[in-house]
Structure formats: C-alpha cells, structure tokens
Amino acid sequence: MSVQWIPELELGNSLIDTQHRMLLLLCRKLDIAIKAGHTGQTVQRIILELKKFTEFHFISEQNLMHEIGYPQVSEHTQIHNSLLIELQVELSKIRHHGESPEELLNRVYAWFNDHVVHEDLKIAEFFRNSPNRPIGEDLYAQFLGSPSSGAGD
C-alpha cells in the first residue's frame, strides 16, 4: 500500500487539512516501519501515536462543527467514536495476540479516505455557507502558514 495525500482530500480549512495531512503522515510512518521490519514495540508506539493524534483531531473537528452550528454533530461524533473503539480493539489484538499491524493500517487508511470524501465534505460545504466562523479562524495563517479559505472536518 502507498499512503499518499491526494488533492481530493483537501477541504479548504487550513486547520483541518493540516491535521488530515498529519494523520496521513503517521499512516505513512507506520507503513514504513512495518515494511522495514521494525520491532513490534516500535510499531505499537507508532500506532499509539496515530490513535492519540486521531483522538485530538476528532475533538478539534467536533469543536469546529459546534462553532459553525453544523446540524449533524451528534451523528458525525458517533462515526468518530466507532473508529476510536475499533482502533483500541485492533491495538489490543496487536499487543496481546501478536497480530499483524498491516490490516489495521489498511483499514485506517481506507476509512480515512472514505470518511473525508463522504462525511467531511458535508461539513466543508456547510462551512462555506455558514455565517458562523470558527473561533480563532483569523489566526490560521499566522500559526499554520497558509491563509484560511473555509471548509472543514
């Protein structure tokens, strides 16, 4: 598998797009560690890093949805929670049963691409038309190095 950032994943919100890129970077890091034959402990630490960053990203995304008045926050949060539960179960299998992390990586990468294109794009469309702006949106350019143009999840 080749973990790559593709233009179709760009939502137009610098904060969320930066976080999405970071999630893919961690997937790529995990892919490299698996293929290079790094120890189980190293791979598990990368999976934990991916899980923790995913938790952070989901909270950021949920805050954004609340700030802009997105009407389907609860449904979207449930989708996030389901993935976090799945990640925990898979991490346990890898830790305690020696299962291969490749299946986890494949599922997370497929889930991420599907989720961004189908679910997060709904938020991006709502964001573009919402009169409500996220708190601190005017700081995105200063802290992220690129201008904010809208959209998000």
Protein backbone atom coordinates (compact mmCIF):
# COMPACT_ATOMS: atom_id res chain seq x y z
CA MET A 1 0.00 0.00 0.00
CA SER A 2 1.18 3.50 -0.70
CA VAL A 3 -0.15 6.11 1.72
CA GLN A 4 -0.41 9.41 -0.14
CA TRP A 5 -2.06 12.82 0.20
CA ILE A 6 -4.30 13.42 -2.81
CA PRO A 7 -5.98 16.70 -3.82
CA GLU A 8 -9.46 15.20 -3.36
CA LEU A 9 -8.81 15.14 0.39
CA GLU A 10 -8.35 18.93 0.52
CA LEU A 11 -11.35 20.50 2.26
CA GLY A 12 -10.27 24.13 2.27
CA ASN A 13 -9.98 24.64 6.03
CA SER A 14 -6.29 25.04 6.84
CA LEU A 15 -6.60 23.72 10.40
CA ILE A 16 -8.45 20.55 9.46
CA ASP A 17 -6.45 19.99 6.27
CA THR A 18 -3.20 20.28 8.27
CA GLN A 19 -4.48 17.72 10.78
CA HIS A 20 -5.57 15.40 7.97
CA ARG A 21 -2.09 15.63 6.45
CA MET A 22 -0.59 14.78 9.84
CA LEU A 23 -2.84 11.73 10.14
CA LEU A 24 -1.65 10.53 6.74
CA LEU A 25 1.96 11.25 7.71
CA LEU A 26 1.52 8.97 10.73
CA CYS A 27 -0.05 6.28 8.49
CA ARG A 28 2.93 6.57 6.16
CA LYS A 29 5.32 6.36 9.12
CA LEU A 30 3.58 3.18 10.25
CA ASP A 31 3.72 1.75 6.73
CA ILE A 32 7.48 2.42 6.55
CA ALA A 33 8.09 0.88 9.99
CA ILE A 34 6.15 -2.27 9.07
CA LYS A 35 7.91 -2.70 5.71
CA ALA A 36 11.34 -2.03 7.23
CA GLY A 37 10.76 -4.74 9.84
CA HIS A 38 10.97 -2.54 12.93
CA THR A 39 10.26 -4.23 16.24
CA GLY A 40 6.75 -4.81 17.49
CA GLN A 41 7.33 -2.27 20.22
CA THR A 42 8.28 0.45 17.72
CA VAL A 43 5.26 -0.33 15.55
CA GLN A 44 2.97 -0.30 18.60
CA ARG A 45 4.30 3.11 19.65
CA ILE A 46 3.55 4.50 16.19
CA ILE A 47 0.03 3.01 16.33
CA LEU A 48 -0.46 4.63 19.73
CA GLU A 49 0.77 7.95 18.32
CA LEU A 50 -1.70 7.58 15.44
CA LYS A 51 -4.54 6.76 17.85
CA LYS A 52 -3.77 9.72 20.14
CA PHE A 53 -3.49 12.16 17.24
CA THR A 54 -6.76 10.80 15.84
CA GLU A 55 -8.44 11.48 19.20
CA PHE A 56 -7.06 15.04 19.18
CA HIS A 57 -8.17 15.58 15.59
CA PHE A 58 -11.68 14.32 16.27
CA ILE A 59 -12.07 16.70 19.22
CA SER A 60 -10.83 19.60 17.07
CA GLU A 61 -13.22 18.67 14.31
CA GLN A 62 -16.15 18.33 16.72
CA ASN A 63 -15.34 21.74 18.23
CA LEU A 64 -15.33 23.23 14.74
CA MET A 65 -18.73 21.67 14.00
CA HIS A 66 -20.18 23.16 17.20
CA GLU A 67 -18.66 26.58 16.47
CA ILE A 68 -20.18 26.80 12.99
CA GLY A 69 -23.53 25.33 14.04
CA TYR A 70 -23.25 22.15 11.98
CA PRO A 71 -26.59 20.33 12.45
CA GLN A 72 -25.23 16.75 12.33
CA VAL A 73 -22.60 16.98 15.08
CA SER A 74 -24.03 14.02 17.03
CA GLU A 75 -24.10 11.71 14.03
CA HIS A 76 -20.58 12.67 12.99
CA THR A 77 -19.31 12.24 16.56
CA GLN A 78 -20.76 8.71 16.61
CA ILE A 79 -18.81 7.86 13.45
CA HIS A 80 -15.64 9.14 15.15
CA ASN A 81 -16.34 7.17 18.33
CA SER A 82 -16.84 3.96 16.35
CA LEU A 83 -13.42 4.32 14.74
CA LEU A 84 -11.75 5.02 18.10
CA ILE A 85 -13.29 1.85 19.55
CA GLU A 86 -12.10 -0.14 16.52
CA LEU A 87 -8.59 1.30 16.86
CA GLN A 88 -8.45 0.28 20.52
CA VAL A 89 -9.62 -3.25 19.76
CA GLU A 90 -7.07 -3.62 16.95
CA LEU A 91 -4.26 -2.21 19.09
CA SER A 92 -5.13 -4.76 21.78
CA LYS A 93 -5.02 -7.60 19.25
CA ILE A 94 -1.60 -6.47 18.07
CA ARG A 95 -0.26 -6.08 21.63
CA HIS A 96 -1.69 -9.24 23.16
CA HIS A 97 -2.06 -11.66 20.27
CA GLY A 98 0.80 -10.65 18.02
CA GLU A 99 -1.48 -9.88 15.09
CA SER A 100 -0.05 -8.05 12.10
CA PRO A 101 -0.48 -4.26 12.10
CA GLU A 102 -0.81 -4.21 8.29
CA GLU A 103 -4.51 -4.98 8.41
CA LEU A 104 -5.04 -2.12 10.87
CA LEU A 105 -3.12 0.26 8.62
CA ASN A 106 -5.12 -0.81 5.55
CA ARG A 107 -8.43 -0.34 7.39
CA VAL A 108 -7.48 3.04 8.86
CA TYR A 109 -6.25 4.36 5.51
CA ALA A 110 -9.37 3.14 3.66
CA TRP A 111 -11.62 4.52 6.42
CA PHE A 112 -9.85 7.87 6.37
CA ASN A 113 -10.18 8.31 2.61
CA ASP A 114 -13.84 7.28 2.60
CA HIS A 115 -14.66 9.42 5.65
CA VAL A 116 -13.05 12.59 4.31
CA VAL A 117 -14.62 12.28 0.85
CA HIS A 118 -18.11 11.33 2.08
CA GLU A 119 -18.57 12.77 5.57
CA ASP A 120 -16.09 15.61 5.96
CA LEU A 121 -17.05 17.13 2.62
CA LYS A 122 -20.56 17.65 4.03
CA ILE A 123 -19.03 19.75 6.81
CA ALA A 124 -16.89 21.64 4.28
CA GLU A 125 -19.96 22.53 2.21
CA PHE A 126 -21.87 23.65 5.30
CA PHE A 127 -18.84 25.64 6.48
CA ARG A 128 -18.58 27.61 3.24
CA ASN A 129 -22.17 28.80 3.59
CA SER A 130 -22.31 29.27 7.36
CA PRO A 131 -22.36 32.80 8.78
CA ASN A 132 -20.78 31.33 11.94
CA ARG A 133 -16.99 31.24 11.88
CA PRO A 134 -14.69 29.05 13.97
CA ILE A 135 -13.05 30.63 16.98
CA GLY A 136 -9.55 31.83 16.05
CA GLU A 137 -10.03 31.37 12.30
CA ASP A 138 -8.14 34.62 11.69
CA LEU A 139 -5.08 33.05 13.36
CA TYR A 140 -4.80 30.11 10.95
CA ALA A 141 -2.44 31.91 8.56
CA GLN A 142 -0.17 33.02 11.41
CA PHE A 143 0.12 29.59 13.01
CA LEU A 144 -0.34 27.26 10.05
CA GLY A 145 1.50 29.28 7.43
CA SER A 146 -1.32 29.45 4.91
CA PRO A 147 -4.42 31.57 4.54
CA SER A 148 -7.76 30.23 5.70
CA SER A 149 -10.27 29.73 2.96
CA GLY A 150 -13.06 27.83 4.71
CA ALA A 151 -14.44 24.27 4.77
CA GLY A 152 -13.67 21.60 7.25
CA ASP A 153 -13.69 18.41 9.14
